Amino acid sequence: MTTRYEQQSTTPLFWEDATKYLCSCDPVLAKIIHSMGDKKLQKSGDPFRALISSIVGQQISVKAANAIFSRVATLVNDIFTPYSILEADPELLRACGLSGQKVKYVSNIAHYFINNSVNDSFWEQDFESVILPSLVSIKGVGPWTAQMLGIFYLHEPDILPLLDIGLLRGVQKNYPELFNDTTKDDPKKLKKVQETTQKLAENWRPYCSVATWYLWASIDGEIVQY
């Protein structure tokens, strides 16, 4: 039997079923999905690389994240292992565009992988009860980062990252009739967008990850491939 770990190298097996389902239950998503043509979630590489990419992408644009990650990849000769990251000069990592804090975070991840002998079998465990809490125990890896790994590497079908600004922007852009003209930076509006997204997601389940991916794509037309 093919394991989830082995399946991660291709488009998720559930993708076609998910897009059909979402098109049938949400006309807004149906329009986005049809506009994307053949674009779909692809492999994200290995989990360590995916986590490093997620750290790079925290709180910056897709374009900036791609550029910084590319420079980091060049620095480590595109060999992403815990050892290659720990052997990299911190100042050179900063020169790639990583903040001092992010340099510490990627180092923390590297140490965690080494100290806990993380291997393929780790990723076969349940995401919500085992993998997510294990990852967020690493300083610098919050729920958002763990969820990105769940979507892009583990291909979990039903993750709804309500703290993700890209998702919330996608909902605001594509469902404008659900919002009024309150101030953009009003914290009450942020809560409103999160609540509205959660309500919309009741129709998206069990494929919130796929809905999220398409809403991201509707913003930039491209997605950081973690």
C-alpha atoms as a PDB file:
ATOM      1  CA  MET A   1       0.000   0.000   0.000  1.00  0.00           C
ATOM      2  CA  THR A   2       1.282   3.458  -0.877  1.00  0.00           C
ATOM      3  CA  THR A   3       1.888   5.532   2.228  1.00  0.00           C
ATOM      4  CA  ARG A   4       1.090   9.212   2.670  1.00  0.00           C
ATOM      5  CA  TYR A   5       4.836   9.864   2.819  1.00  0.00           C
ATOM      6  CA  GLU A   6       5.292   8.305  -0.634  1.00  0.00           C
ATOM      7  CA  GLN A   7       2.257  10.097  -2.072  1.00  0.00           C
ATOM      8  CA  GLN A   8       3.640  13.539  -1.198  1.00  0.00           C
ATOM      9  CA  SER A   9       5.762  13.648  -4.366  1.00  0.00           C
ATOM     10  CA  THR A  10       2.722  14.228  -6.590  1.00  0.00           C
ATOM     11  CA  THR A  11      -0.521  16.149  -6.661  1.00  0.00           C
ATOM     12  CA  PRO A  12      -2.723  14.889  -3.791  1.00  0.00           C
ATOM     13  CA  LEU A  13      -4.815  11.887  -4.796  1.00  0.00           C
ATOM     14  CA  PHE A  14      -7.942  13.642  -3.528  1.00  0.00           C
ATOM     15  CA  TRP A  15      -7.447  16.799  -5.622  1.00  0.00           C
ATOM     16  CA  GLU A  16      -9.857  15.972  -8.442  1.00  0.00           C
ATOM     17  CA  ASP A  17     -12.593  14.868  -6.057  1.00  0.00           C
ATOM     18  CA  ALA A  18     -12.007  17.976  -3.977  1.00  0.00           C
ATOM     19  CA  THR A  19     -12.301  20.408  -6.884  1.00  0.00           C
ATOM     20  CA  LYS A  20     -15.490  18.746  -8.108  1.00  0.00           C
ATOM     21  CA  TYR A  21     -16.969  18.924  -4.634  1.00  0.00           C
ATOM     22  CA  LEU A  22     -16.006  22.573  -4.088  1.00  0.00           C
ATOM     23  CA  CYS A  23     -17.368  23.570  -7.490  1.00  0.00           C
ATOM     24  CA  SER A  24     -20.670  21.932  -6.626  1.00  0.00           C
ATOM     25  CA  CYS A  25     -21.086  23.653  -3.265  1.00  0.00           C
ATOM     26  CA  ASP A  26     -19.533  27.115  -3.767  1.00  0.00           C
ATOM     27  CA  PRO A  27     -20.043  29.073  -7.008  1.00  0.00           C
ATOM     28  CA  VAL A  28     -17.333  31.584  -6.040  1.00  0.00           C
ATOM     29  CA  LEU A  29     -14.746  28.852  -5.651  1.00  0.00           C
ATOM     30  CA  ALA A  30     -16.017  27.218  -8.837  1.00  0.00           C
ATOM     31  CA  LYS A  31     -15.171  30.387 -10.770  1.00  0.00           C
ATOM     32  CA  ILE A  32     -11.684  30.566  -9.228  1.00  0.00           C
ATOM     33  CA  ILE A  33     -10.990  26.888  -9.860  1.00  0.00           C
ATOM     34  CA  HIS A  34     -12.005  27.109 -13.520  1.00  0.00           C
ATOM     35  CA  SER A  35      -9.888  30.254 -13.968  1.00  0.00           C
ATOM     36  CA  MET A  36      -6.786  28.416 -12.719  1.00  0.00           C
ATOM     37  CA  GLY A  37      -6.926  25.803 -15.456  1.00  0.00           C
ATOM     38  CA  ASP A  38      -4.432  23.022 -14.804  1.00  0.00           C
ATOM     39  CA  LYS A  39      -2.727  24.722 -11.849  1.00  0.00           C
ATOM     40  CA  LYS A  40      -2.818  22.576  -8.743  1.00  0.00           C
ATOM     41  CA  LEU A  41      -0.845  21.751  -5.630  1.00  0.00           C
ATOM     42  CA  GLN A  42       2.335  19.856  -6.429  1.00  0.00           C
ATOM     43  CA  LYS A  43       5.079  18.243  -4.386  1.00  0.00           C
ATOM     44  CA  SER A  44       6.792  20.345  -1.752  1.00  0.00           C
ATOM     45  CA  GLY A  45      10.044  18.440  -1.393  1.00  0.00           C
ATOM     46  CA  ASP A  46      11.104  16.913   1.912  1.00  0.00           C
ATOM     47  CA  PRO A  47       9.639  17.991   5.273  1.00  0.00           C
ATOM     48  CA  PHE A  48      12.778  19.714   6.535  1.00  0.00           C
ATOM     49  CA  ARG A  49      13.025  21.830   3.390  1.00  0.00           C
ATOM     50  CA  ALA A  50       9.292  22.550   3.634  1.00  0.00           C
ATOM     51  CA  LEU A  51       9.628  23.799   7.209  1.00  0.00           C
ATOM     52  CA  ILE A  52      12.564  26.039   6.334  1.00  0.00           C
ATOM     53  CA  SER A  53      10.568  27.441   3.425  1.00  0.00           C
ATOM     54  CA  SER A  54       7.641  28.123   5.751  1.00  0.00           C
ATOM     55  CA  ILE A  55       9.880  30.063   8.125  1.00  0.00           C
ATOM     56  CA  VAL A  56      11.224  32.082   5.212  1.00  0.00           C
ATOM     57  CA  GLY A  57       7.679  32.868   4.088  1.00  0.00           C
ATOM     58  CA  GLN A  58       6.428  34.146   7.445  1.00  0.00           C
ATOM     59  CA  GLN A  59       4.915  37.642   7.173  1.00  0.00           C
ATOM     60  CA  ILE A  60       6.380  38.507   3.768  1.00  0.00           C
ATOM     61  CA  SER A  61       5.099  38.489   0.197  1.00  0.00           C
ATOM     62  CA  VAL A  62       5.260  35.539  -2.173  1.00  0.00           C
ATOM     63  CA  LYS A  63       7.806  37.335  -4.338  1.00  0.00           C
ATOM     64  CA  ALA A  64      10.082  38.181  -1.410  1.00  0.00           C
ATOM     65  CA  ALA A  65       9.830  34.670   0.024  1.00  0.00           C
ATOM     66  CA  ASN A  66      10.751  33.078  -3.302  1.00  0.00           C
ATOM     67  CA  ALA A  67      13.779  35.364  -3.673  1.00  0.00           C
ATOM     68  CA  ILE A  68      15.085  34.766  -0.151  1.00  0.00           C
ATOM     69  CA  PHE A  69      14.558  31.017  -0.290  1.00  0.00           C
ATOM     70  CA  SER A  70      16.373  30.871  -3.614  1.00  0.00           C
ATOM     71  CA  ARG A  71      19.391  32.624  -2.060  1.00  0.00           C
ATOM     72  CA  VAL A  72      19.356  30.265   0.925  1.00  0.00           C
ATOM     73  CA  ALA A  73      19.191  27.289  -1.461  1.00  0.00           C
ATOM     74  CA  THR A  74      22.235  28.604  -3.316  1.00  0.00           C
ATOM     75  CA  LEU A  75      24.103  29.068  -0.040  1.00  0.00           C
ATOM     76  CA  VAL A  76      23.590  25.406   0.965  1.00  0.00           C
ATOM     77  CA  ASN A  77      24.050  24.119  -2.602  1.00  0.00           C
ATOM     78  CA  ASP A  78      20.366  23.172  -2.632  1.00  0.00           C
ATOM     79  CA  ILE A  79      21.042  20.494  -0.014  1.00  0.00           C
ATOM     80  CA  PHE A  80      18.557  21.094   2.781  1.00  0.00           C
ATOM     81  CA  THR A  81      19.478  18.964   5.767  1.00  0.00           C
ATOM     82  CA  PRO A  82      19.697  19.829   9.463  1.00  0.00           C
ATOM     83  CA  TYR A  83      23.462  19.636   9.169  1.00  0.00           C
ATOM     84  CA  SER A  84      23.733  21.892   6.115  1.00  0.00           C
ATOM     85  CA  ILE A  85      21.702  24.590   7.873  1.00  0.00           C
ATOM     86  CA  LEU A  86      23.719  24.351  11.091  1.00  0.00           C
ATOM     87  CA  GLU A  87      26.972  24.489   9.142  1.00  0.00           C
ATOM     88  CA  ALA A  88      25.913  27.636   7.258  1.00  0.00           C
ATOM     89  CA  ASP A  89      27.380  30.881   8.572  1.00  0.00           C
ATOM     90  CA  PRO A  90      24.572  32.776  10.376  1.00  0.00           C
ATOM     91  CA  GLU A  91      25.798  36.034   8.874  1.00  0.00           C
ATOM     92  CA  LEU A  92      25.535  34.581   5.383  1.00  0.00           C
ATOM     93  CA  LEU A  93      21.987  33.418   6.155  1.00  0.00           C
ATOM     94  CA  ARG A  94      21.198  36.978   7.210  1.00  0.00           C
ATOM     95  CA  ALA A  95      22.737  38.215   3.975  1.00  0.00           C
ATOM     96  CA  CYS A  96      20.248  36.002   2.109  1.00  0.00           C
ATOM     97  CA  GLY A  97      17.470  38.090   3.637  1.00  0.00           C
ATOM     98  CA  LEU A  98      16.623  36.164   6.808  1.00  0.00           C
ATOM     99  CA  SER A  99      16.163  38.220   9.950  1.00  0.00           C
ATOM    100  CA  GLY A 100      18.261  37.346  12.984  1.00  0.00           C
ATOM    101  CA  GLN A 101      15.169  35.823  14.551  1.00  0.00           C
ATOM    102  CA  LYS A 102      14.485  33.620  11.531  1.00  0.00           C
ATOM    103  CA  VAL A 103      18.104  32.448  11.531  1.00  0.00           C
ATOM    104  CA  LYS A 104      17.544  31.243  15.106  1.00  0.00           C
ATOM    105  CA  TYR A 105      14.278  29.583  14.109  1.00  0.00           C
ATOM    106  CA  VAL A 106      15.793  27.546  11.268  1.00  0.00           C
ATOM    107  CA  SER A 107      18.587  26.513  13.636  1.00  0.00           C
ATOM    108  CA  ASN A 108      15.999  25.391  16.201  1.00  0.00           C
ATOM    109  CA  ILE A 109      14.299  23.239  13.564  1.00  0.00           C
ATOM    110  CA  ALA A 110      17.608  21.672  12.560  1.00  0.00           C
ATOM    111  CA  HIS A 111      18.448  20.820  16.172  1.00  0.00           C
ATOM    112  CA  TYR A 112      14.976  19.335  16.717  1.00  0.00           C
ATOM    113  CA  PHE A 113      15.304  17.025  13.713  1.00  0.00           C
ATOM    114  CA  ILE A 114      18.708  15.824  14.882  1.00  0.00           C
ATOM    115  CA  ASN A 115      17.901  15.484  18.591  1.00  0.00           C
ATOM    116  CA  ASN A 116      14.635  13.629  17.942  1.00  0.00           C
ATOM    117  CA  SER A 117      15.888  11.499  15.046  1.00  0.00           C
ATOM    118  CA  VAL A 118      12.927  12.580  12.926  1.00  0.00           C
ATOM    119  CA  ASN A 119      12.426  10.045  10.133  1.00  0.00           C
ATOM    120  CA  ASP A 120       9.795   8.972   7.609  1.00  0.00           C
ATOM    121  CA  SER A 121       7.643   7.158  10.166  1.00  0.00           C
ATOM    122  CA  PHE A 122       7.131  10.362  12.141  1.00  0.00           C
ATOM    123  CA  TRP A 123       5.132  11.860   9.258  1.00  0.00           C
ATOM    124  CA  GLU A 124       2.780   8.877   9.094  1.00  0.00           C
ATOM    125  CA  GLN A 125       1.289   9.756  12.480  1.00  0.00           C
ATOM    126  CA  ASP A 126      -1.936  11.697  12.987  1.00  0.00           C
ATOM    127  CA  PHE A 127      -1.494  15.349  12.111  1.00  0.00           C
ATOM    128  CA  GLU A 128      -3.770  17.025  14.665  1.00  0.00           C
ATOM    129  CA  SER A 129      -2.918  14.908  17.712  1.00  0.00           C
ATOM    130  CA  VAL A 130       0.761  14.122  17.144  1.00  0.00           C
ATOM    131  CA  ILE A 131       2.536  16.017  14.362  1.00  0.00           C
ATOM    132  CA  LEU A 132       1.118  19.495  14.938  1.00  0.00           C
ATOM    133  CA  PRO A 133       1.792  19.641  18.706  1.00  0.00           C
ATOM    134  CA  SER A 134       5.255  18.171  18.159  1.00  0.00           C
ATOM    135  CA  LEU A 135       6.146  20.836  15.616  1.00  0.00           C
ATOM    136  CA  VAL A 136       4.786  23.774  17.607  1.00  0.00           C
ATOM    137  CA  SER A 137       7.002  22.702  20.515  1.00  0.00           C
ATOM    138  CA  ILE A 138       9.917  24.013  18.406  1.00  0.00           C
ATOM    139  CA  LYS A 139      10.549  27.691  19.169  1.00  0.00           C
ATOM    140  CA  GLY A 140       9.722  29.586  16.000  1.00  0.00           C
ATOM    141  CA  VAL A 141       7.278  27.020  14.642  1.00  0.00           C
ATOM    142  CA  GLY A 142       3.758  28.180  15.399  1.00  0.00           C
ATOM    143  CA  PRO A 143       0.415  26.729  14.328  1.00  0.00           C
ATOM    144  CA  TRP A 144       0.578  28.598  10.996  1.00  0.00           C
ATOM    145  CA  THR A 145       3.940  27.096  10.072  1.00  0.00           C
ATOM    146  CA  ALA A 146       2.803  23.615  11.065  1.00  0.00           C
ATOM    147  CA  GLN A 147      -0.383  24.031   9.045  1.00  0.00           C
ATOM    148  CA  MET A 148       1.609  25.082   5.982  1.00  0.00           C
ATOM    149  CA  LEU A 149       3.580  21.869   6.295  1.00  0.00           C
ATOM    150  CA  GLY A 150       0.327  19.966   6.663  1.00  0.00           C
ATOM    151  CA  ILE A 151      -1.016  21.439   3.437  1.00  0.00           C
ATOM    152  CA  PHE A 152       2.069  21.511   1.244  1.00  0.00           C
ATOM    153  CA  TYR A 153       3.998  18.451   2.412  1.00  0.00           C
ATOM    154  CA  LEU A 154       1.630  16.066   4.159  1.00  0.00           C
ATOM    155  CA  HIS A 155      -1.259  16.949   1.838  1.00  0.00           C
ATOM    156  CA  GLU A 156      -3.780  17.012   4.667  1.00  0.00           C
ATOM    157  CA  PRO A 157      -7.102  17.739   2.912  1.00  0.00           C
ATOM    158  CA  ASP A 158      -8.980  19.673   5.574  1.00  0.00           C
ATOM    159  CA  ILE A 159      -6.758  22.340   7.142  1.00  0.00           C
ATOM    160  CA  LEU A 160      -8.233  25.831   7.610  1.00  0.00           C
ATOM    161  CA  PRO A 161      -5.457  28.294   8.599  1.00  0.00           C
ATOM    162  CA  LEU A 162      -7.547  31.109  10.046  1.00  0.00           C
ATOM    163  CA  LEU A 163      -4.416  33.039  11.053  1.00  0.00           C
ATOM    164  CA  ASP A 164      -3.204  33.184   7.453  1.00  0.00           C
ATOM    165  CA  ILE A 165      -3.489  36.695   6.051  1.00  0.00           C
ATOM    166  CA  GLY A 166      -3.461  35.415   2.466  1.00  0.00           C
ATOM    167  CA  LEU A 167      -6.516  33.272   3.087  1.00  0.00           C
ATOM    168  CA  LEU A 168      -8.343  36.154   4.756  1.00  0.00           C
ATOM    169  CA  ARG A 169      -7.431  38.496   1.888  1.00  0.00           C
ATOM    170  CA  GLY A 170      -8.708  35.914  -0.570  1.00  0.00           C
ATOM    171  CA  VAL A 171     -12.024  35.708   1.242  1.00  0.00           C
ATOM    172  CA  GLN A 172     -12.365  39.510   1.377  1.00  0.00           C
ATOM    173  CA  LYS A 173     -11.566  39.803  -2.319  1.00  0.00           C
ATOM    174  CA  ASN A 174     -13.862  37.062  -3.541  1.00  0.00           C
ATOM    175  CA  TYR A 175     -16.801  37.474  -1.142  1.00  0.00           C
ATOM    176  CA  PRO A 176     -17.017  41.309  -0.876  1.00  0.00           C
ATOM    177  CA  GLU A 177     -20.783  41.235  -0.363  1.00  0.00           C
ATOM    178  CA  LEU A 178     -20.196  39.658   3.053  1.00  0.00           C
ATOM    179  CA  PHE A 179     -18.327  42.696   4.371  1.00  0.00           C
ATOM    180  CA  ASN A 180     -18.960  46.382   4.917  1.00  0.00           C
ATOM    181  CA  ASP A 181     -16.576  49.314   4.506  1.00  0.00           C
ATOM    182  CA  THR A 182     -15.103  49.337   7.992  1.00  0.00           C
ATOM    183  CA  THR A 183     -11.499  50.467   8.367  1.00  0.00           C
ATOM    184  CA  LYS A 184      -9.032  48.012   6.871  1.00  0.00           C
ATOM    185  CA  ASP A 185      -6.886  47.811  10.018  1.00  0.00           C
ATOM    186  CA  ASP A 186      -9.819  47.623  12.422  1.00  0.00           C
ATOM    187  CA  PRO A 187      -9.211  44.538  14.630  1.00  0.00           C
ATOM    188  CA  LYS A 188     -12.965  43.989  14.713  1.00  0.00           C
ATOM    189  CA  LYS A 189     -12.898  43.594  10.935  1.00  0.00           C
ATOM    190  CA  LEU A 190     -10.141  40.991  11.172  1.00  0.00           C
ATOM    191  CA  LYS A 191     -12.265  39.022  13.585  1.00  0.00           C
ATOM    192  CA  LYS A 192     -15.238  39.441  11.261  1.00  0.00           C
ATOM    193  CA  VAL A 193     -13.231  38.066   8.318  1.00  0.00           C
ATOM    194  CA  GLN A 194     -12.079  35.095  10.397  1.00  0.00           C
ATOM    195  CA  GLU A 195     -15.625  34.372  11.541  1.00  0.00           C
ATOM    196  CA  THR A 196     -16.943  34.674   7.988  1.00  0.00           C
ATOM    197  CA  THR A 197     -14.190  32.384   6.669  1.00  0.00           C
ATOM    198  CA  GLN A 198     -14.994  29.801   9.321  1.00  0.00           C
ATOM    199  CA  LYS A 199     -18.650  29.929   8.364  1.00  0.00           C
ATOM    200  CA  LEU A 200     -17.876  29.583   4.648  1.00  0.00           C
ATOM    201  CA  ALA A 201     -15.646  26.636   5.466  1.00  0.00           C
ATOM    202  CA  GLU A 202     -18.625  24.674   6.725  1.00  0.00           C
ATOM    203  CA  ASN A 203     -19.452  24.139   3.038  1.00  0.00           C
ATOM    204  CA  TRP A 204     -15.845  23.413   2.062  1.00  0.00           C
ATOM    205  CA  ARG A 205     -15.239  20.514   4.449  1.00  0.00           C
ATOM    206  CA  PRO A 206     -13.645  18.021   4.128  1.00  0.00           C
ATOM    207  CA  TYR A 207     -11.502  19.967   1.644  1.00  0.00           C
ATOM    208  CA  CYS A 208     -10.596  23.233   3.381  1.00  0.00           C
ATOM    209  CA  SER A 209      -6.950  22.867   2.353  1.00  0.00           C
ATOM    210  CA  VAL A 210      -7.924  22.864  -1.312  1.00  0.00           C
ATOM    211  CA  ALA A 211     -10.290  25.819  -0.913  1.00  0.00           C
ATOM    212  CA  THR A 212      -7.506  27.694   0.882  1.00  0.00           C
ATOM    213  CA  TRP A 213      -5.025  26.929  -1.909  1.00  0.00           C
ATOM    214  CA  TYR A 214      -7.322  28.364  -4.577  1.00  0.00           C
ATOM    215  CA  LEU A 215      -8.105  31.458  -2.531  1.00  0.00           C
ATOM    216  CA  TRP A 216      -4.366  32.050  -2.185  1.00  0.00           C
ATOM    217  CA  ALA A 217      -3.966  31.674  -5.935  1.00  0.00           C
ATOM    218  CA  SER A 218      -6.751  34.193  -6.558  1.00  0.00           C
ATOM    219  CA  ILE A 219      -4.648  36.855  -4.808  1.00  0.00           C
ATOM    220  CA  ASP A 220      -1.221  36.506  -6.438  1.00  0.00           C
ATOM    221  CA  GLY A 221      -1.762  34.041  -9.254  1.00  0.00           C
ATOM    222  CA  GLU A 222       1.161  32.108  -7.766  1.00  0.00           C
ATOM    223  CA  ILE A 223       1.831  30.371  -4.495  1.00  0.00           C
ATOM    224  CA  VAL A 224       4.992  29.804  -2.496  1.00  0.00           C
ATOM    225  CA  GLN A 225       5.695  26.075  -2.870  1.00  0.00           C
ATOM    226  CA  TYR A 226       6.682  25.083   0.655  1.00  0.00           C
END
